[in-house]
Amino acid sequence: MFKFKNEKRELKRIIEAILLVAYEPVKTAAIEKVLNKSSDTIEKIIKELQEEYRKEDRGFQLKKVSGGYRFYTHPDCRDYIENFFTSTMRGYFSQAALEVLAIIVYNQPVSRIIINEIRGVRSESVISTLLSKRLIEKASKGFGPGHPILYKTTPLFLESFGLNSLKDLPPIEKFSEDIKNETHSKEENSYLNIINTKDGNRYLNVIAIDGPAGSGKSTISKELSRKLKFFYLYTGAMYRALAYLALKREVNLYDEKALTDLTIDS
């Protein structure tokens, strides 16, 4: 098929071209069919390309994700890319979408009822959005009342987040530690919303922001706390964490005393 003086170089060019136009990660089997070369040959060339990009310190990388290969921007360029997207493009995930996606990722397959219980709000519209974006899909039906539909992530999710498999996800315990460290860091700061009066009493100014799901409560609260230098307390995360713990420990979600005791113990 190839009659070039430098066949390896030509193979590299063709593989690069295929990877550039591919809509999703390309498996070596697909390249084999096009080039009529063995998988070992394809894998060897891909490894050489990866090494060349690394040595040249290029702005992109060739990574294996979701069982195939695809080009990704280099992590060192992250800040510039974020600035580019922030200033020129739209379409980021909402806070609600990220929450639902995280719940599904770490609990899959999971039903809509469980997702709603953990978040404390209805999530039907968010689930529909994630389904339309092909980041999640219906896995099967559960064994509970009514046989609820269970949801799981898709190969496109792995591709979108640069993962080769779900095993590459950071352990959920890591996030718990990060939240704990962030809380301790904030507690060390002086808060302007604490007022000392002449009679020696201390009062706490509190600004509560409420609204329907997906209305931007978290975004507004964070920005307001930053500008006013107020302590930011994300009560939504507290409720969801409690709901998650209650489900894990099989505590009745309608038993007020049991939930109160669980909150105190935690």
Protein backbone atom coordinates (compact mmCIF):
# COMPACT_ATOMS: atom_id res chain seq x y z
CA MET A 1 0.00 0.00 0.00
CA PHE A 2 2.82 2.40 0.89
CA LYS A 3 5.64 3.06 -1.55
CA PHE A 4 7.31 5.95 0.25
CA LYS A 5 11.02 6.10 0.97
CA ASN A 6 10.27 6.66 4.64
CA GLU A 7 7.25 4.51 5.40
CA LYS A 8 7.34 5.13 9.15
CA ARG A 9 7.19 8.88 8.67
CA GLU A 10 4.24 8.54 6.33
CA LEU A 11 2.45 6.26 8.78
CA LYS A 12 2.92 8.88 11.50
CA ARG A 13 1.46 11.59 9.27
CA ILE A 14 -1.57 9.49 8.40
CA ILE A 15 -2.23 8.48 12.01
CA GLU A 16 -1.98 12.13 13.07
CA ALA A 17 -4.45 13.10 10.37
CA ILE A 18 -6.91 10.40 11.43
CA LEU A 19 -6.70 11.45 15.08
CA LEU A 20 -7.23 15.10 14.19
CA VAL A 21 -10.46 14.53 12.26
CA ALA A 22 -11.91 11.87 14.57
CA TYR A 23 -14.96 12.89 16.59
CA GLU A 24 -14.16 10.46 19.41
CA PRO A 25 -11.14 8.47 20.67
CA VAL A 26 -9.78 6.21 17.92
CA LYS A 27 -9.10 2.58 18.77
CA THR A 28 -6.07 0.89 17.24
CA ALA A 29 -8.36 -1.66 15.54
CA ALA A 30 -9.91 1.15 13.46
CA ILE A 31 -6.47 2.37 12.36
CA GLU A 32 -5.43 -1.20 11.53
CA LYS A 33 -8.29 -1.49 9.03
CA VAL A 34 -7.27 1.74 7.29
CA LEU A 35 -3.51 1.11 7.15
CA ASN A 36 -3.52 -2.68 6.98
CA LYS A 37 -0.86 -2.78 9.67
CA SER A 38 -0.66 -4.85 12.84
CA SER A 39 -1.79 -3.48 16.19
CA ASP A 40 1.78 -3.76 17.49
CA THR A 41 3.01 -1.53 14.67
CA ILE A 42 0.26 1.02 15.31
CA GLU A 43 0.90 1.06 19.06
CA LYS A 44 4.64 1.47 18.51
CA ILE A 45 4.14 4.46 16.20
CA ILE A 46 1.66 6.07 18.60
CA LYS A 47 4.16 5.72 21.45
CA GLU A 48 6.83 7.35 19.28
CA LEU A 49 4.47 10.23 18.52
CA GLN A 50 3.72 10.65 22.22
CA GLU A 51 7.42 10.78 23.00
CA GLU A 52 8.08 13.29 20.20
CA TYR A 53 5.37 15.61 21.49
CA ARG A 54 6.74 15.30 25.02
CA LYS A 55 10.33 16.09 24.00
CA GLU A 56 9.22 19.04 21.88
CA ASP A 57 7.08 20.31 24.77
CA ARG A 58 4.11 20.85 22.49
CA GLY A 59 0.87 22.51 23.54
CA PHE A 60 -1.02 19.24 23.14
CA GLN A 61 -0.72 15.62 24.17
CA LEU A 62 -1.76 12.32 22.64
CA LYS A 63 -3.59 10.42 25.37
CA LYS A 64 -5.32 7.08 25.66
CA VAL A 65 -8.89 7.59 26.86
CA SER A 66 -11.96 5.39 26.84
CA GLY A 67 -10.00 2.62 25.12
CA GLY A 68 -8.78 4.79 22.24
CA TYR A 69 -6.43 7.66 21.41
CA ARG A 70 -7.15 11.36 21.07
CA PHE A 71 -5.37 14.72 21.15
CA TYR A 72 -5.75 16.88 24.25
CA THR A 73 -4.34 20.25 25.24
CA HIS A 74 -1.35 20.23 27.59
CA PRO A 75 -2.22 20.79 31.30
CA ASP A 76 0.32 23.64 31.45
CA CYS A 77 -1.90 25.62 29.06
CA ARG A 78 -4.98 25.23 31.24
CA ASP A 79 -5.20 28.81 32.56
CA TYR A 80 -4.89 30.32 29.08
CA ILE A 81 -7.48 27.96 27.65
CA GLU A 82 -9.89 28.76 30.49
CA ASN A 83 -9.43 32.48 29.83
CA PHE A 84 -10.05 31.88 26.14
CA PHE A 85 -13.28 29.98 26.74
CA THR A 86 -14.45 32.41 29.39
CA SER A 87 -14.03 35.39 27.08
CA THR A 88 -15.19 33.86 23.80
CA MET A 89 -17.44 30.89 24.42
CA ARG A 90 -20.44 29.74 26.42
CA GLY A 91 -21.98 26.44 27.36
CA TYR A 92 -20.38 25.50 30.66
CA PHE A 93 -22.14 23.07 32.95
CA SER A 94 -24.34 24.60 35.62
CA GLN A 95 -23.61 23.88 39.28
CA ALA A 96 -26.69 21.65 39.35
CA ALA A 97 -25.47 19.62 36.35
CA LEU A 98 -22.06 19.08 37.94
CA GLU A 99 -23.69 17.96 41.19
CA VAL A 100 -25.94 15.42 39.46
CA LEU A 101 -23.08 14.18 37.31
CA ALA A 102 -20.86 13.71 40.38
CA ILE A 103 -23.59 11.77 42.18
CA ILE A 104 -24.05 9.46 39.20
CA VAL A 105 -20.29 9.02 38.72
CA TYR A 106 -19.68 7.85 42.28
CA ASN A 107 -22.92 5.90 42.81
CA GLN A 108 -23.70 4.39 39.42
CA PRO A 109 -25.97 2.81 38.53
CA VAL A 110 -28.26 5.10 40.51
CA SER A 111 -31.93 6.06 40.29
CA ARG A 112 -33.48 9.51 39.98
CA ILE A 113 -35.04 9.09 43.44
CA ILE A 114 -31.64 8.60 45.09
CA ILE A 115 -30.21 11.55 43.14
CA ASN A 116 -33.06 13.76 44.36
CA GLU A 117 -32.63 12.53 47.94
CA ILE A 118 -28.92 13.35 47.96
CA ARG A 119 -29.35 16.78 46.39
CA GLY A 120 -32.50 17.67 48.33
CA VAL A 121 -34.14 19.07 45.18
CA ARG A 122 -35.76 17.68 42.05
CA SER A 123 -33.24 16.82 39.33
CA GLU A 124 -35.38 15.68 36.39
CA SER A 125 -34.50 18.58 34.10
CA VAL A 126 -30.79 18.26 34.88
CA ILE A 127 -30.86 14.52 34.17
CA SER A 128 -32.57 15.23 30.82
CA THR A 129 -29.83 17.72 29.96
CA LEU A 130 -27.07 15.22 30.77
CA LEU A 131 -28.88 12.57 28.72
CA SER A 132 -29.12 14.94 25.74
CA LYS A 133 -25.39 15.66 26.03
CA ARG A 134 -24.77 11.88 26.01
CA LEU A 135 -22.76 12.07 29.25
CA ILE A 136 -25.10 9.65 30.98
CA GLU A 137 -27.42 6.90 29.80
CA LYS A 138 -30.07 4.55 31.12
CA ALA A 139 -28.36 1.48 32.52
CA SER A 140 -31.20 -0.77 33.63
CA LYS A 141 -34.18 -0.87 35.94
CA GLY A 142 -33.87 -1.25 39.69
CA PHE A 143 -35.58 -3.79 41.91
CA GLY A 144 -37.41 -1.24 44.06
CA PRO A 145 -41.05 -0.17 43.86
CA GLY A 146 -41.98 0.63 40.27
CA HIS A 147 -38.61 -0.65 39.02
CA PRO A 148 -37.00 2.82 38.72
CA ILE A 149 -34.65 3.57 35.85
CA LEU A 150 -30.98 3.55 36.82
CA TYR A 151 -28.42 5.88 35.25
CA LYS A 152 -24.72 5.48 34.53
CA THR A 153 -22.00 7.43 32.73
CA THR A 154 -21.10 6.89 29.07
CA PRO A 155 -17.83 6.50 27.14
CA LEU A 156 -18.31 10.14 26.07
CA PHE A 157 -18.10 11.14 29.75
CA LEU A 158 -14.70 9.44 30.01
CA GLU A 159 -13.58 11.14 26.82
CA SER A 160 -14.84 14.58 27.86
CA PHE A 161 -13.02 14.44 31.18
CA GLY A 162 -9.85 12.85 29.82
CA LEU A 163 -10.27 9.51 31.59
CA ASN A 164 -9.36 6.09 30.27
CA SER A 165 -11.67 4.32 32.71
CA LEU A 166 -13.66 4.99 35.88
CA LYS A 167 -10.68 3.64 37.83
CA ASP A 168 -8.87 6.88 36.96
CA LEU A 169 -11.35 8.92 39.02
CA PRO A 170 -9.94 10.38 42.25
CA PRO A 171 -11.29 8.63 45.38
CA ILE A 172 -14.26 10.40 46.90
CA GLU A 173 -12.40 10.55 50.23
CA LYS A 174 -10.01 13.06 48.61
CA PHE A 175 -12.82 15.58 48.18
CA SER A 176 -13.88 15.17 51.80
CA GLU A 177 -10.32 16.03 52.88
CA ASP A 178 -10.19 19.04 50.54
CA ILE A 179 -13.46 20.39 51.94
CA LYS A 180 -12.18 19.88 55.49
CA ASN A 181 -8.92 21.72 54.75
CA GLU A 182 -10.74 24.57 53.01
CA THR A 183 -13.08 24.97 55.98
CA HIS A 184 -10.18 25.10 58.44
CA SER A 185 -8.40 27.65 56.25
CA LYS A 186 -11.44 29.91 56.19
CA GLU A 187 -11.95 29.62 59.93
CA GLU A 188 -8.47 31.07 60.44
CA ASN A 189 -9.46 34.28 58.66
CA SER A 190 -11.13 37.24 60.36
CA TYR A 191 -14.72 37.70 59.23
CA LEU A 192 -16.17 41.17 58.73
CA ASN A 193 -19.68 39.87 59.39
CA ILE A 194 -18.88 39.46 63.13
CA ILE A 195 -19.85 42.65 64.97
CA ASN A 196 -18.60 43.47 68.48
CA THR A 197 -20.88 45.85 70.40
CA LYS A 198 -20.18 48.12 73.38
CA ASP A 199 -22.06 45.81 75.75
CA GLY A 200 -19.62 43.03 74.92
CA ASN A 201 -22.05 40.96 72.90
CA ARG A 202 -21.10 39.64 69.50
CA TYR A 203 -23.56 39.41 66.65
CA LEU A 204 -23.26 37.73 63.31
CA ASN A 205 -24.57 39.40 60.18
CA VAL A 206 -26.08 36.75 57.94
CA ILE A 207 -27.15 37.04 54.32
CA ALA A 208 -29.33 34.12 53.21
CA ILE A 209 -29.89 33.59 49.50
CA ASP A 210 -32.69 31.28 48.41
CA GLY A 211 -34.30 30.41 45.10
CA PRO A 212 -35.30 27.56 42.77
CA ALA A 213 -32.84 24.94 41.56
CA GLY A 214 -30.39 26.16 38.93
CA SER A 215 -31.12 29.86 39.54
CA GLY A 216 -27.53 30.71 40.42
CA LYS A 217 -27.68 30.80 44.21
CA SER A 218 -24.22 29.33 44.71
CA THR A 219 -22.59 31.58 42.12
CA ILE A 220 -24.10 34.76 43.59
CA SER A 221 -23.34 33.68 47.17
CA LYS A 222 -19.68 32.98 46.45
CA GLU A 223 -19.19 36.28 44.66
CA LEU A 224 -20.99 38.20 47.40
CA SER A 225 -18.97 36.55 50.17
CA ARG A 226 -15.76 37.34 48.29
CA LYS A 227 -16.58 41.03 47.85
CA LEU A 228 -17.93 41.56 51.37
CA LYS A 229 -15.33 39.23 52.93
CA PHE A 230 -18.09 37.28 54.61
CA PHE A 231 -17.74 33.62 55.55
CA TYR A 232 -19.40 31.48 52.86
CA LEU A 233 -21.49 28.58 54.17
CA TYR A 234 -22.83 26.24 51.49
CA THR A 235 -25.87 24.79 53.27
CA GLY A 236 -26.90 22.89 50.16
CA ALA A 237 -23.78 20.75 50.42
CA MET A 238 -24.51 20.13 54.11
CA TYR A 239 -28.02 18.87 53.38
CA ARG A 240 -26.81 16.67 50.52
CA ALA A 241 -23.97 15.26 52.60
CA LEU A 242 -26.43 14.40 55.36
CA ALA A 243 -28.82 12.79 52.86
CA TYR A 244 -25.97 10.76 51.38
CA LEU A 245 -24.82 9.60 54.83
CA ALA A 246 -28.40 8.73 55.84
CA LEU A 247 -28.86 6.62 52.71
CA LYS A 248 -25.54 4.86 53.29
CA ARG A 249 -26.50 4.06 56.88
CA GLU A 250 -30.08 3.21 55.93
CA VAL A 251 -31.57 5.88 58.20
CA ASN A 252 -35.24 6.70 57.59
CA LEU A 253 -35.26 10.06 55.81
CA TYR A 254 -38.60 10.93 57.42
CA ASP A 255 -37.42 10.20 60.96
CA GLU A 256 -36.58 13.67 62.29
CA LYS A 257 -35.00 12.43 65.54
CA ALA A 258 -32.83 9.86 63.75
CA LEU A 259 -31.62 12.50 61.29
CA THR A 260 -30.90 14.93 64.13
CA ASP A 261 -28.87 12.31 65.98
CA LEU A 262 -27.01 11.46 62.79
CA THR A 263 -26.17 15.15 62.28
CA ILE A 264 -24.85 15.51 65.81
CA ASP A 265 -22.78 12.33 65.60
CA SER A 266 -21.27 13.39 62.28
